[in-house]
Amino acid sequence: MAHRKETTIERIYREVTGNKMPAAVKSILLPKRRVKRYQWSRSTEELRNPSDAWIKTLAEGRRVKFTNQELPNEWTFITAQVEGNEVVYSIVLTNATNPLRREEVESHFAGELSKK
């Protein structure tokens, strides 16, 4: 298990008192550590360019979030992410002259999403 680095407050406490900082004091003086978790809360307004985002439930019950974002130079950025999974499948299409329909975006990821 990795050893946590001593904070400045802990170092000063140790130098002044000659002892390690007790857990009760740490809980008051040190900030609480927060675990970052992925959230589905990213709004389409944050994407800046014309975009579309939707969630589809696959036949086996898994939920997948798809996004379709138009980029400059007629490029398109599409993504798919299985709910609860940190992996995001992404593709940049450099020759997308027309906006893609949702079914077309989903078909680009059909092979990856069929794997379990």
PDB file of N, CA and C in Angstrom:
ATOM      1  N   MET A   1       0.850  -1.183   0.000  1.00  0.00           N
ATOM      2  CA  MET A   1       0.000   0.000   0.000  1.00  0.00           C
ATOM      3  C   MET A   1       0.891   1.239   0.000  1.00  0.00           C
ATOM      4  N   ALA A   2       0.552   2.190  -0.825  1.00  0.00           N
ATOM      5  CA  ALA A   2       1.353   3.410  -0.947  1.00  0.00           C
ATOM      6  C   ALA A   2       1.222   4.264   0.309  1.00  0.00           C
ATOM      7  N   HIS A   3       2.335   4.855   0.689  1.00  0.00           N
ATOM      8  CA  HIS A   3       2.349   5.714   1.872  1.00  0.00           C
ATOM      9  C   HIS A   3       1.959   7.134   1.469  1.00  0.00           C
ATOM     10  N   ARG A   4       1.038   7.728   2.199  1.00  0.00           N
ATOM     11  CA  ARG A   4       0.575   9.085   1.916  1.00  0.00           C
ATOM     12  C   ARG A   4       1.644  10.088   2.331  1.00  0.00           C
ATOM     13  N   LYS A   5       1.819  11.108   1.508  1.00  0.00           N
ATOM     14  CA  LYS A   5       2.812  12.142   1.798  1.00  0.00           C
ATOM     15  C   LYS A   5       2.331  13.006   2.979  1.00  0.00           C
ATOM     16  N   GLU A   6       3.257  13.337   3.842  1.00  0.00           N
ATOM     17  CA  GLU A   6       2.957  14.169   5.009  1.00  0.00           C
ATOM     18  C   GLU A   6       2.621  15.601   4.557  1.00  0.00           C
ATOM     19  N   THR A   7       1.528  16.153   5.063  1.00  0.00           N
ATOM     20  CA  THR A   7       1.144  17.513   4.710  1.00  0.00           C
ATOM     21  C   THR A   7       1.974  18.514   5.508  1.00  0.00           C
ATOM     22  N   THR A   8       1.924  19.758   5.089  1.00  0.00           N
ATOM     23  CA  THR A   8       2.663  20.815   5.785  1.00  0.00           C
ATOM     24  C   THR A   8       2.202  20.946   7.231  1.00  0.00           C
ATOM     25  N   ILE A   9       0.909  20.874   7.454  1.00  0.00           N
ATOM     26  CA  ILE A   9       0.375  20.987   8.821  1.00  0.00           C
ATOM     27  C   ILE A   9       0.885  19.841   9.686  1.00  0.00           C
ATOM     28  N   GLU A  10       0.892  18.619   9.130  1.00  0.00           N
ATOM     29  CA  GLU A  10       1.387  17.469   9.886  1.00  0.00           C
ATOM     30  C   GLU A  10       2.883  17.619  10.206  1.00  0.00           C
ATOM     31  N   ARG A  11       3.673  18.109   9.251  1.00  0.00           N
ATOM     32  CA  ARG A  11       5.109  18.299   9.453  1.00  0.00           C
ATOM     33  C   ARG A  11       5.368  19.312  10.570  1.00  0.00           C
ATOM     34  N   ILE A  12       4.661  20.443  10.527  1.00  0.00           N
ATOM     35  CA  ILE A  12       4.839  21.472  11.561  1.00  0.00           C
ATOM     36  C   ILE A  12       4.437  20.924  12.931  1.00  0.00           C
ATOM     37  N   TYR A  13       3.326  20.209  13.001  1.00  0.00           N
ATOM     38  CA  TYR A  13       2.875  19.610  14.260  1.00  0.00           C
ATOM     39  C   TYR A  13       3.961  18.668  14.805  1.00  0.00           C
ATOM     40  N   ARG A  14       4.527  17.817  13.911  1.00  0.00           N
ATOM     41  CA  ARG A  14       5.568  16.875  14.316  1.00  0.00           C
ATOM     42  C   ARG A  14       6.813  17.598  14.807  1.00  0.00           C
ATOM     43  N   GLU A  15       7.215  18.678  14.102  1.00  0.00           N
ATOM     44  CA  GLU A  15       8.415  19.422  14.508  1.00  0.00           C
ATOM     45  C   GLU A  15       8.231  20.150  15.835  1.00  0.00           C
ATOM     46  N   VAL A  16       7.038  20.690  16.084  1.00  0.00           N
ATOM     47  CA  VAL A  16       6.787  21.450  17.312  1.00  0.00           C
ATOM     48  C   VAL A  16       6.596  20.524  18.502  1.00  0.00           C
ATOM     49  N   THR A  17       5.809  19.461  18.319  1.00  0.00           N
ATOM     50  CA  THR A  17       5.482  18.586  19.448  1.00  0.00           C
ATOM     51  C   THR A  17       6.410  17.387  19.579  1.00  0.00           C
ATOM     52  N   GLY A  18       7.056  17.004  18.482  1.00  0.00           N
ATOM     53  CA  GLY A  18       7.897  15.812  18.510  1.00  0.00           C
ATOM     54  C   GLY A  18       7.117  14.529  18.322  1.00  0.00           C
ATOM     55  N   ASN A  19       5.812  14.639  18.096  1.00  0.00           N
ATOM     56  CA  ASN A  19       4.945  13.466  17.908  1.00  0.00           C
ATOM     57  C   ASN A  19       4.203  13.565  16.578  1.00  0.00           C
ATOM     58  N   LYS A  20       3.709  12.400  16.129  1.00  0.00           N
ATOM     59  CA  LYS A  20       2.856  12.416  14.956  1.00  0.00           C
ATOM     60  C   LYS A  20       1.489  12.987  15.332  1.00  0.00           C
ATOM     61  N   MET A  21       0.828  13.577  14.376  1.00  0.00           N
ATOM     62  CA  MET A  21      -0.485  14.168  14.637  1.00  0.00           C
ATOM     63  C   MET A  21      -1.516  13.057  14.868  1.00  0.00           C
ATOM     64  N   PRO A  22      -2.256  13.109  15.992  1.00  0.00           N
ATOM     65  CA  PRO A  22      -3.279  12.096  16.266  1.00  0.00           C
ATOM     66  C   PRO A  22      -4.416  12.157  15.241  1.00  0.00           C
ATOM     67  N   ALA A  23      -5.058  11.026  15.038  1.00  0.00           N
ATOM     68  CA  ALA A  23      -6.149  10.923  14.071  1.00  0.00           C
ATOM     69  C   ALA A  23      -7.285  11.894  14.392  1.00  0.00           C
ATOM     70  N   ALA A  24      -7.572  12.100  15.678  1.00  0.00           N
ATOM     71  CA  ALA A  24      -8.654  13.011  16.061  1.00  0.00           C
ATOM     72  C   ALA A  24      -8.348  14.442  15.630  1.00  0.00           C
ATOM     73  N   VAL A  25      -7.100  14.841  15.713  1.00  0.00           N
ATOM     74  CA  VAL A  25      -6.695  16.189  15.305  1.00  0.00           C
ATOM     75  C   VAL A  25      -6.707  16.284  13.766  1.00  0.00           C
ATOM     76  N   LYS A  26      -6.234  15.215  13.099  1.00  0.00           N
ATOM     77  CA  LYS A  26      -6.241  15.193  11.633  1.00  0.00           C
ATOM     78  C   LYS A  26      -7.649  15.375  11.088  1.00  0.00           C
ATOM     79  N   SER A  27      -8.608  14.721  11.722  1.00  0.00           N
ATOM     80  CA  SER A  27      -9.983  14.791  11.219  1.00  0.00           C
ATOM     81  C   SER A  27     -10.540  16.212  11.301  1.00  0.00           C
ATOM     82  N   ILE A  28      -9.999  17.021  12.205  1.00  0.00           N
ATOM     83  CA  ILE A  28     -10.454  18.407  12.339  1.00  0.00           C
ATOM     84  C   ILE A  28      -9.662  19.338  11.419  1.00  0.00           C
ATOM     85  N   LEU A  29      -8.339  19.182  11.370  1.00  0.00           N
ATOM     86  CA  LEU A  29      -7.486  20.122  10.647  1.00  0.00           C
ATOM     87  C   LEU A  29      -7.338  19.845   9.158  1.00  0.00           C
ATOM     88  N   LEU A  30      -7.331  18.573   8.769  1.00  0.00           N
ATOM     89  CA  LEU A  30      -7.065  18.246   7.366  1.00  0.00           C
ATOM     90  C   LEU A  30      -8.362  18.170   6.566  1.00  0.00           C
ATOM     91  N   PRO A  31      -8.325  18.585   5.297  1.00  0.00           N
ATOM     92  CA  PRO A  31      -9.537  18.513   4.464  1.00  0.00           C
ATOM     93  C   PRO A  31      -9.912  17.062   4.202  1.00  0.00           C
ATOM     94  N   LYS A  32     -11.185  16.831   4.049  1.00  0.00           N
ATOM     95  CA  LYS A  32     -11.684  15.492   3.769  1.00  0.00           C
ATOM     96  C   LYS A  32     -11.304  15.111   2.341  1.00  0.00           C
ATOM     97  N   ARG A  33     -10.883  13.877   2.155  1.00  0.00           N
ATOM     98  CA  ARG A  33     -10.561  13.392   0.818  1.00  0.00           C
ATOM     99  C   ARG A  33     -11.841  12.932   0.148  1.00  0.00           C
ATOM    100  N   ARG A  34     -11.999  13.340  -1.094  1.00  0.00           N
ATOM    101  CA  ARG A  34     -13.206  12.978  -1.841  1.00  0.00           C
ATOM    102  C   ARG A  34     -12.822  12.089  -3.011  1.00  0.00           C
ATOM    103  N   VAL A  35     -13.576  11.028  -3.192  1.00  0.00           N
ATOM    104  CA  VAL A  35     -13.346  10.136  -4.316  1.00  0.00           C
ATOM    105  C   VAL A  35     -14.091  10.701  -5.521  1.00  0.00           C
ATOM    106  N   LYS A  36     -13.358  10.873  -6.630  1.00  0.00           N
ATOM    107  CA  LYS A  36     -14.009  11.381  -7.834  1.00  0.00           C
ATOM    108  C   LYS A  36     -14.697  10.220  -8.532  1.00  0.00           C
ATOM    109  N   ARG A  37     -15.941  10.401  -8.845  1.00  0.00           N
ATOM    110  CA  ARG A  37     -16.717   9.380  -9.549  1.00  0.00           C
ATOM    111  C   ARG A  37     -17.258   9.978 -10.834  1.00  0.00           C
ATOM    112  N   TYR A  38     -17.338   9.134 -11.851  1.00  0.00           N
ATOM    113  CA  TYR A  38     -17.879   9.597 -13.115  1.00  0.00           C
ATOM    114  C   TYR A  38     -19.372   9.862 -12.959  1.00  0.00           C
ATOM    115  N   GLN A  39     -19.827  10.962 -13.492  1.00  0.00           N
ATOM    116  CA  GLN A  39     -21.250  11.301 -13.445  1.00  0.00           C
ATOM    117  C   GLN A  39     -21.749  11.528 -14.859  1.00  0.00           C
ATOM    118  N   TRP A  40     -23.005  11.253 -15.075  1.00  0.00           N
ATOM    119  CA  TRP A  40     -23.633  11.448 -16.376  1.00  0.00           C
ATOM    120  C   TRP A  40     -24.181  12.863 -16.492  1.00  0.00           C
ATOM    121  N   SER A  41     -23.715  13.779 -15.669  1.00  0.00           N
ATOM    122  CA  SER A  41     -24.331  15.099 -15.571  1.00  0.00           C
ATOM    123  C   SER A  41     -23.820  16.113 -16.586  1.00  0.00           C
ATOM    124  N   ARG A  42     -22.912  15.726 -17.450  1.00  0.00           N
ATOM    125  CA  ARG A  42     -22.361  16.679 -18.421  1.00  0.00           C
ATOM    126  C   ARG A  42     -23.465  17.113 -19.383  1.00  0.00           C
ATOM    127  N   SER A  43     -23.731  18.409 -19.406  1.00  0.00           N
ATOM    128  CA  SER A  43     -24.816  18.902 -20.244  1.00  0.00           C
ATOM    129  C   SER A  43     -24.321  19.165 -21.657  1.00  0.00           C
ATOM    130  N   THR A  44     -25.228  19.129 -22.608  1.00  0.00           N
ATOM    131  CA  THR A  44     -24.845  19.364 -24.000  1.00  0.00           C
ATOM    132  C   THR A  44     -24.468  20.815 -24.235  1.00  0.00           C
ATOM    133  N   GLU A  45     -24.855  21.735 -23.353  1.00  0.00           N
ATOM    134  CA  GLU A  45     -24.459  23.134 -23.492  1.00  0.00           C
ATOM    135  C   GLU A  45     -22.946  23.299 -23.311  1.00  0.00           C
ATOM    136  N   GLU A  46     -22.323  22.388 -22.546  1.00  0.00           N
ATOM    137  CA  GLU A  46     -20.894  22.462 -22.312  1.00  0.00           C
ATOM    138  C   GLU A  46     -20.087  22.087 -23.545  1.00  0.00           C
ATOM    139  N   LEU A  47     -20.689  21.445 -24.510  1.00  0.00           N
ATOM    140  CA  LEU A  47     -19.959  20.946 -25.667  1.00  0.00           C
ATOM    141  C   LEU A  47     -19.655  22.036 -26.690  1.00  0.00           C
ATOM    142  N   ARG A  48     -20.259  23.179 -26.601  1.00  0.00           N
ATOM    143  CA  ARG A  48     -19.993  24.385 -27.389  1.00  0.00           C
ATOM    144  C   ARG A  48     -20.432  24.305 -28.845  1.00  0.00           C
ATOM    145  N   ASN A  49     -20.128  23.250 -29.564  1.00  0.00           N
ATOM    146  CA  ASN A  49     -20.519  23.122 -30.960  1.00  0.00           C
ATOM    147  C   ASN A  49     -21.832  22.352 -31.050  1.00  0.00           C
ATOM    148  N   PRO A  50     -22.526  22.426 -32.205  1.00  0.00           N
ATOM    149  CA  PRO A  50     -23.764  21.660 -32.333  1.00  0.00           C
ATOM    150  C   PRO A  50     -23.515  20.192 -31.985  1.00  0.00           C
ATOM    151  N   SER A  51     -24.338  19.672 -31.104  1.00  0.00           N
ATOM    152  CA  SER A  51     -24.113  18.301 -30.657  1.00  0.00           C
ATOM    153  C   SER A  51     -25.420  17.646 -30.251  1.00  0.00           C
ATOM    154  N   ASP A  52     -25.311  16.369 -30.033  1.00  0.00           N
ATOM    155  CA  ASP A  52     -26.453  15.571 -29.622  1.00  0.00           C
ATOM    156  C   ASP A  52     -25.935  14.528 -28.635  1.00  0.00           C
ATOM    157  N   ALA A  53     -26.662  14.260 -27.572  1.00  0.00           N
ATOM    158  CA  ALA A  53     -26.295  13.244 -26.593  1.00  0.00           C
ATOM    159  C   ALA A  53     -27.552  12.486 -26.204  1.00  0.00           C
ATOM    160  N   TRP A  54     -27.449  11.159 -26.120  1.00  0.00           N
ATOM    161  CA  TRP A  54     -28.601  10.353 -25.752  1.00  0.00           C
ATOM    162  C   TRP A  54     -28.119   9.059 -25.112  1.00  0.00           C
ATOM    163  N   ILE A  55     -29.039   8.407 -24.388  1.00  0.00           N
ATOM    164  CA  ILE A  55     -28.739   7.141 -23.724  1.00  0.00           C
ATOM    165  C   ILE A  55     -29.660   6.086 -24.312  1.00  0.00           C
ATOM    166  N   LYS A  56     -29.066   4.949 -24.690  1.00  0.00           N
ATOM    167  CA  LYS A  56     -29.824   3.842 -25.281  1.00  0.00           C
ATOM    168  C   LYS A  56     -29.593   2.595 -24.440  1.00  0.00           C
ATOM    169  N   THR A  57     -30.636   1.814 -24.225  1.00  0.00           N
ATOM    170  CA  THR A  57     -30.519   0.551 -23.509  1.00  0.00           C
ATOM    171  C   THR A  57     -30.382  -0.564 -24.536  1.00  0.00           C
ATOM    172  N   LEU A  58     -29.296  -1.333 -24.436  1.00  0.00           N
ATOM    173  CA  LEU A  58     -29.061  -2.439 -25.360  1.00  0.00           C
ATOM    174  C   LEU A  58     -29.920  -3.628 -24.994  1.00  0.00           C
ATOM    175  N   ALA A  59     -29.960  -4.620 -25.890  1.00  0.00           N
ATOM    176  CA  ALA A  59     -30.817  -5.794 -25.696  1.00  0.00           C
ATOM    177  C   ALA A  59     -30.520  -6.525 -24.392  1.00  0.00           C
ATOM    178  N   GLU A  60     -29.235  -6.602 -23.997  1.00  0.00           N
ATOM    179  CA  GLU A  60     -28.886  -7.322 -22.768  1.00  0.00           C
ATOM    180  C   GLU A  60     -29.062  -6.481 -21.513  1.00  0.00           C
ATOM    181  N   GLY A  61     -29.599  -5.250 -21.658  1.00  0.00           N
ATOM    182  CA  GLY A  61     -29.912  -4.407 -20.508  1.00  0.00           C
ATOM    183  C   GLY A  61     -28.867  -3.355 -20.166  1.00  0.00           C
ATOM    184  N   ARG A  62     -27.701  -3.387 -20.828  1.00  0.00           N
ATOM    185  CA  ARG A  62     -26.688  -2.374 -20.553  1.00  0.00           C
ATOM    186  C   ARG A  62     -27.122  -1.048 -21.159  1.00  0.00           C
ATOM    187  N   ARG A  63     -26.817   0.051 -20.443  1.00  0.00           N
ATOM    188  CA  ARG A  63     -27.138   1.389 -20.939  1.00  0.00           C
ATOM    189  C   ARG A  63     -25.868   2.027 -21.489  1.00  0.00           C
ATOM    190  N   VAL A  64     -25.999   2.666 -22.660  1.00  0.00           N
ATOM    191  CA  VAL A  64     -24.855   3.280 -23.329  1.00  0.00           C
ATOM    192  C   VAL A  64     -25.192   4.734 -23.629  1.00  0.00           C
ATOM    193  N   LYS A  65     -24.259   5.626 -23.292  1.00  0.00           N
ATOM    194  CA  LYS A  65     -24.429   7.037 -23.616  1.00  0.00           C
ATOM    195  C   LYS A  65     -23.658   7.329 -24.897  1.00  0.00           C
ATOM    196  N   PHE A  66     -24.351   7.883 -25.881  1.00  0.00           N
ATOM    197  CA  PHE A  66     -23.750   8.262 -27.145  1.00  0.00           C
ATOM    198  C   PHE A  66     -23.711   9.781 -27.245  1.00  0.00           C
ATOM    199  N   THR A  67     -22.656  10.312 -27.874  1.00  0.00           N
ATOM    200  CA  THR A  67     -22.617  11.733 -28.191  1.00  0.00           C
ATOM    201  C   THR A  67     -22.185  11.891 -29.643  1.00  0.00           C
ATOM    202  N   ASN A  68     -22.661  12.952 -30.251  1.00  0.00           N
ATOM    203  CA  ASN A  68     -22.345  13.273 -31.629  1.00  0.00           C
ATOM    204  C   ASN A  68     -22.101  14.774 -31.663  1.00  0.00           C
ATOM    205  N   GLN A  69     -20.859  15.182 -31.901  1.00  0.00           N
ATOM    206  CA  GLN A  69     -20.512  16.604 -31.869  1.00  0.00           C
ATOM    207  C   GLN A  69     -19.884  17.012 -33.196  1.00  0.00           C
ATOM    208  N   GLU A  70     -20.424  18.066 -33.794  1.00  0.00           N
ATOM    209  CA  GLU A  70     -19.867  18.595 -35.030  1.00  0.00           C
ATOM    210  C   GLU A  70     -18.683  19.493 -34.701  1.00  0.00           C
ATOM    211  N   LEU A  71     -17.572  19.293 -35.416  1.00  0.00           N
ATOM    212  CA  LEU A  71     -16.355  20.066 -35.220  1.00  0.00           C
ATOM    213  C   LEU A  71     -16.112  20.947 -36.442  1.00  0.00           C
ATOM    214  N   PRO A  72     -15.184  21.900 -36.350  1.00  0.00           N
ATOM    215  CA  PRO A  72     -14.849  22.710 -37.525  1.00  0.00           C
ATOM    216  C   PRO A  72     -14.309  21.834 -38.657  1.00  0.00           C
ATOM    217  N   ASN A  73     -14.279  22.372 -39.856  1.00  0.00           N
ATOM    218  CA  ASN A  73     -13.766  21.677 -41.053  1.00  0.00           C
ATOM    219  C   ASN A  73     -14.596  20.454 -41.426  1.00  0.00           C
ATOM    220  N   GLU A  74     -15.883  20.457 -41.073  1.00  0.00           N
ATOM    221  CA  GLU A  74     -16.808  19.367 -41.388  1.00  0.00           C
ATOM    222  C   GLU A  74     -16.395  18.038 -40.766  1.00  0.00           C
ATOM    223  N   TRP A  75     -15.706  18.079 -39.658  1.00  0.00           N
ATOM    224  CA  TRP A  75     -15.369  16.881 -38.926  1.00  0.00           C
ATOM    225  C   TRP A  75     -16.464  16.609 -37.903  1.00  0.00           C
ATOM    226  N   THR A  76     -16.545  15.358 -37.459  1.00  0.00           N
ATOM    227  CA  THR A  76     -17.525  14.963 -36.449  1.00  0.00           C
ATOM    228  C   THR A  76     -16.829  14.094 -35.404  1.00  0.00           C
ATOM    229  N   PHE A  77     -17.115  14.354 -34.132  1.00  0.00           N
ATOM    230  CA  PHE A  77     -16.559  13.590 -33.017  1.00  0.00           C
ATOM    231  C   PHE A  77     -17.701  12.815 -32.389  1.00  0.00           C
ATOM    232  N   ILE A  78     -17.593  11.476 -32.383  1.00  0.00           N
ATOM    233  CA  ILE A  78     -18.652  10.648 -31.810  1.00  0.00           C
ATOM    234  C   ILE A  78     -18.066   9.787 -30.698  1.00  0.00           C
ATOM    235  N   THR A  79     -18.871   9.550 -29.655  1.00  0.00           N
ATOM    236  CA  THR A  79     -18.422   8.742 -28.518  1.00  0.00           C
ATOM    237  C   THR A  79     -19.520   7.786 -28.079  1.00  0.00           C
ATOM    238  N   ALA A  80     -19.086   6.733 -27.393  1.00  0.00           N
ATOM    239  CA  ALA A  80     -20.008   5.790 -26.759  1.00  0.00           C
ATOM    240  C   ALA A  80     -19.380   5.354 -25.451  1.00  0.00           C
ATOM    241  N   GLN A  81     -20.187   5.322 -24.388  1.00  0.00           N
ATOM    242  CA  GLN A  81     -19.696   4.890 -23.083  1.00  0.00           C
ATOM    243  C   GLN A  81     -20.754   4.047 -22.392  1.00  0.00           C
ATOM    244  N   VAL A  82     -20.344   2.840 -21.984  1.00  0.00           N
ATOM    245  CA  VAL A  82     -21.240   1.962 -21.248  1.00  0.00           C
ATOM    246  C   VAL A  82     -21.349   2.491 -19.828  1.00  0.00           C
ATOM    247  N   GLU A  83     -22.572   2.561 -19.313  1.00  0.00           N
ATOM    248  CA  GLU A  83     -22.794   3.096 -17.968  1.00  0.00           C
ATOM    249  C   GLU A  83     -21.993   2.312 -16.934  1.00  0.00           C
ATOM    250  N   GLY A  84     -21.326   3.046 -16.032  1.00  0.00           N
ATOM    251  CA  GLY A  84     -20.531   2.432 -14.981  1.00  0.00           C
ATOM    252  C   GLY A  84     -19.140   2.024 -15.433  1.00  0.00           C
ATOM    253  N   ASN A  85     -18.788   2.318 -16.679  1.00  0.00           N
ATOM    254  CA  ASN A  85     -17.482   1.967 -17.227  1.00  0.00           C
ATOM    255  C   ASN A  85     -16.714   3.246 -17.508  1.00  0.00           C
ATOM    256  N   GLU A  86     -15.440   3.296 -17.143  1.00  0.00           N
ATOM    257  CA  GLU A  86     -14.643   4.495 -17.368  1.00  0.00           C
ATOM    258  C   GLU A  86     -14.150   4.618 -18.802  1.00  0.00           C
ATOM    259  N   VAL A  87     -14.200   3.519 -19.566  1.00  0.00           N
ATOM    260  CA  VAL A  87     -13.711   3.525 -20.943  1.00  0.00           C
ATOM    261  C   VAL A  87     -14.711   4.246 -21.837  1.00  0.00           C
ATOM    262  N   VAL A  88     -14.199   5.178 -22.636  1.00  0.00           N
ATOM    263  CA  VAL A  88     -15.036   5.885 -23.614  1.00  0.00           C
ATOM    264  C   VAL A  88     -14.493   5.555 -24.991  1.00  0.00           C
ATOM    265  N   TYR A  89     -15.347   4.966 -25.834  1.00  0.00           N
ATOM    266  CA  TYR A  89     -14.968   4.705 -27.213  1.00  0.00           C
ATOM    267  C   TYR A  89     -15.218   5.990 -27.991  1.00  0.00           C
ATOM    268  N   SER A  90     -14.222   6.448 -28.760  1.00  0.00           N
ATOM    269  CA  SER A  90     -14.395   7.698 -29.493  1.00  0.00           C
ATOM    270  C   SER A  90     -13.820   7.581 -30.896  1.00  0.00           C
ATOM    271  N   ILE A  91     -14.446   8.306 -31.821  1.00  0.00           N
ATOM    272  CA  ILE A  91     -14.031   8.316 -33.220  1.00  0.00           C
ATOM    273  C   ILE A  91     -14.137   9.744 -33.726  1.00  0.00           C
ATOM    274  N   VAL A  92     -13.139  10.187 -34.495  1.00  0.00           N
ATOM    275  CA  VAL A  92     -13.209  11.465 -35.196  1.00  0.00           C
ATOM    276  C   VAL A  92     -13.383  11.133 -36.675  1.00  0.00           C
ATOM    277  N   LEU A  93     -14.495  11.557 -37.248  1.00  0.00           N
ATOM    278  CA  LEU A  93     -14.767  11.343 -38.670  1.00  0.00           C
ATOM    279  C   LEU A  93     -14.356  12.604 -39.419  1.00  0.00           C
ATOM    280  N   THR A  94     -13.404  12.479 -40.318  1.00  0.00           N
ATOM    281  CA  THR A  94     -12.873  13.649 -41.021  1.00  0.00           C
ATOM    282  C   THR A  94     -13.592  13.954 -42.323  1.00  0.00           C
ATOM    283  N   ASN A  95     -14.503  13.089 -42.749  1.00  0.00           N
ATOM    284  CA  ASN A  95     -15.198  13.320 -44.008  1.00  0.00           C
ATOM    285  C   ASN A  95     -16.718  13.262 -43.862  1.00  0.00           C
ATOM    286  N   ALA A  96     -17.215  13.686 -42.734  1.00  0.00           N
ATOM    287  CA  ALA A  96     -18.656  13.664 -42.489  1.00  0.00           C
ATOM    288  C   ALA A  96     -19.261  14.957 -43.033  1.00  0.00           C
ATOM    289  N   THR A  97     -19.764  14.916 -44.259  1.00  0.00           N
ATOM    290  CA  THR A  97     -20.301  16.132 -44.867  1.00  0.00           C
ATOM    291  C   THR A  97     -21.707  16.443 -44.383  1.00  0.00           C
ATOM    292  N   ASN A  98     -22.460  15.422 -44.033  1.00  0.00           N
ATOM    293  CA  ASN A  98     -23.819  15.626 -43.534  1.00  0.00           C
ATOM    294  C   ASN A  98     -23.874  15.260 -42.061  1.00  0.00           C
ATOM    295  N   PRO A  99     -24.731  15.912 -41.280  1.00  0.00           N
ATOM    296  CA  PRO A  99     -24.879  15.504 -39.877  1.00  0.00           C
ATOM    297  C   PRO A  99     -25.322  14.044 -39.799  1.00  0.00           C
ATOM    298  N   LEU A 100     -24.732  13.295 -38.887  1.00  0.00           N
ATOM    299  CA  LEU A 100     -25.058  11.878 -38.735  1.00  0.00           C
ATOM    300  C   LEU A 100     -26.361  11.701 -37.965  1.00  0.00           C
ATOM    301  N   ARG A 101     -27.136  10.708 -38.373  1.00  0.00           N
ATOM    302  CA  ARG A 101     -28.332  10.334 -37.612  1.00  0.00           C
ATOM    303  C   ARG A 101     -27.889   9.479 -36.435  1.00  0.00           C
ATOM    304  N   ARG A 102     -28.736   9.373 -35.429  1.00  0.00           N
ATOM    305  CA  ARG A 102     -28.395   8.589 -34.237  1.00  0.00           C
ATOM    306  C   ARG A 102     -28.072   7.139 -34.596  1.00  0.00           C
ATOM    307  N   GLU A 103     -28.834   6.558 -35.503  1.00  0.00           N
ATOM    308  CA  GLU A 103     -28.614   5.166 -35.901  1.00  0.00           C
ATOM    309  C   GLU A 103     -27.232   4.995 -36.532  1.00  0.00           C
ATOM    310  N   GLU A 104     -26.770   5.985 -37.283  1.00  0.00           N
ATOM    311  CA  GLU A 104     -25.452   5.913 -37.904  1.00  0.00           C
ATOM    312  C   GLU A 104     -24.346   5.970 -36.850  1.00  0.00           C
ATOM    313  N   VAL A 105     -24.528   6.828 -35.852  1.00  0.00           N
ATOM    314  CA  VAL A 105     -23.544   6.911 -34.764  1.00  0.00           C
ATOM    315  C   VAL A 105     -23.483   5.577 -34.033  1.00  0.00           C
ATOM    316  N   GLU A 106     -24.633   5.012 -33.700  1.00  0.00           N
ATOM    317  CA  GLU A 106     -24.683   3.744 -32.974  1.00  0.00           C
ATOM    318  C   GLU A 106     -24.045   2.623 -33.774  1.00  0.00           C
ATOM    319  N   SER A 107     -24.207   2.635 -35.101  1.00  0.00           N
ATOM    320  CA  SER A 107     -23.651   1.571 -35.935  1.00  0.00           C
ATOM    321  C   SER A 107     -22.122   1.598 -35.946  1.00  0.00           C
ATOM    322  N   HIS A 108     -21.498   2.754 -35.758  1.00  0.00           N
ATOM    323  CA  HIS A 108     -20.041   2.842 -35.716  1.00  0.00           C
ATOM    324  C   HIS A 108     -19.467   2.083 -34.520  1.00  0.00           C
ATOM    325  N   PHE A 109     -20.241   1.948 -33.447  1.00  0.00           N
ATOM    326  CA  PHE A 109     -19.758   1.305 -32.224  1.00  0.00           C
ATOM    327  C   PHE A 109     -20.336  -0.091 -32.021  1.00  0.00           C
ATOM    328  N   ALA A 110     -21.116  -0.585 -32.983  1.00  0.00           N
ATOM    329  CA  ALA A 110     -21.787  -1.876 -32.810  1.00  0.00           C
ATOM    330  C   ALA A 110     -20.813  -3.003 -32.495  1.00  0.00           C
ATOM    331  N   GLY A 111     -19.666  -3.025 -33.158  1.00  0.00           N
ATOM    332  CA  GLY A 111     -18.692  -4.087 -32.918  1.00  0.00           C
ATOM    333  C   GLY A 111     -18.133  -4.072 -31.505  1.00  0.00           C
ATOM    334  N   GLU A 112     -17.742  -2.891 -31.020  1.00  0.00           N
ATOM    335  CA  GLU A 112     -17.185  -2.784 -29.674  1.00  0.00           C
ATOM    336  C   GLU A 112     -18.228  -3.065 -28.599  1.00  0.00           C
ATOM    337  N   LEU A 113     -19.447  -2.606 -28.822  1.00  0.00           N
ATOM    338  CA  LEU A 113     -20.477  -2.773 -27.803  1.00  0.00           C
ATOM    339  C   LEU A 113     -21.030  -4.188 -27.767  1.00  0.00           C
ATOM    340  N   SER A 114     -20.813  -4.978 -28.822  1.00  0.00           N
ATOM    341  CA  SER A 114     -21.295  -6.354 -28.813  1.00  0.00           C
ATOM    342  C   SER A 114     -20.406  -7.249 -27.946  1.00  0.00           C
ATOM    343  N   LYS A 115     -19.166  -6.786 -27.652  1.00  0.00           N
ATOM    344  CA  LYS A 115     -18.272  -7.531 -26.761  1.00  0.00           C
ATOM    345  C   LYS A 115     -18.711  -7.312 -25.327  1.00  0.00           C
ATOM    346  N   LYS A 116     -18.494  -8.314 -24.488  1.00  0.00           N
ATOM    347  CA  LYS A 116     -18.906  -8.170 -23.091  1.00  0.00           C
ATOM    348  C   LYS A 116     -17.751  -7.890 -22.224  1.00  0.00           C
TER     349      LYS A 116
END
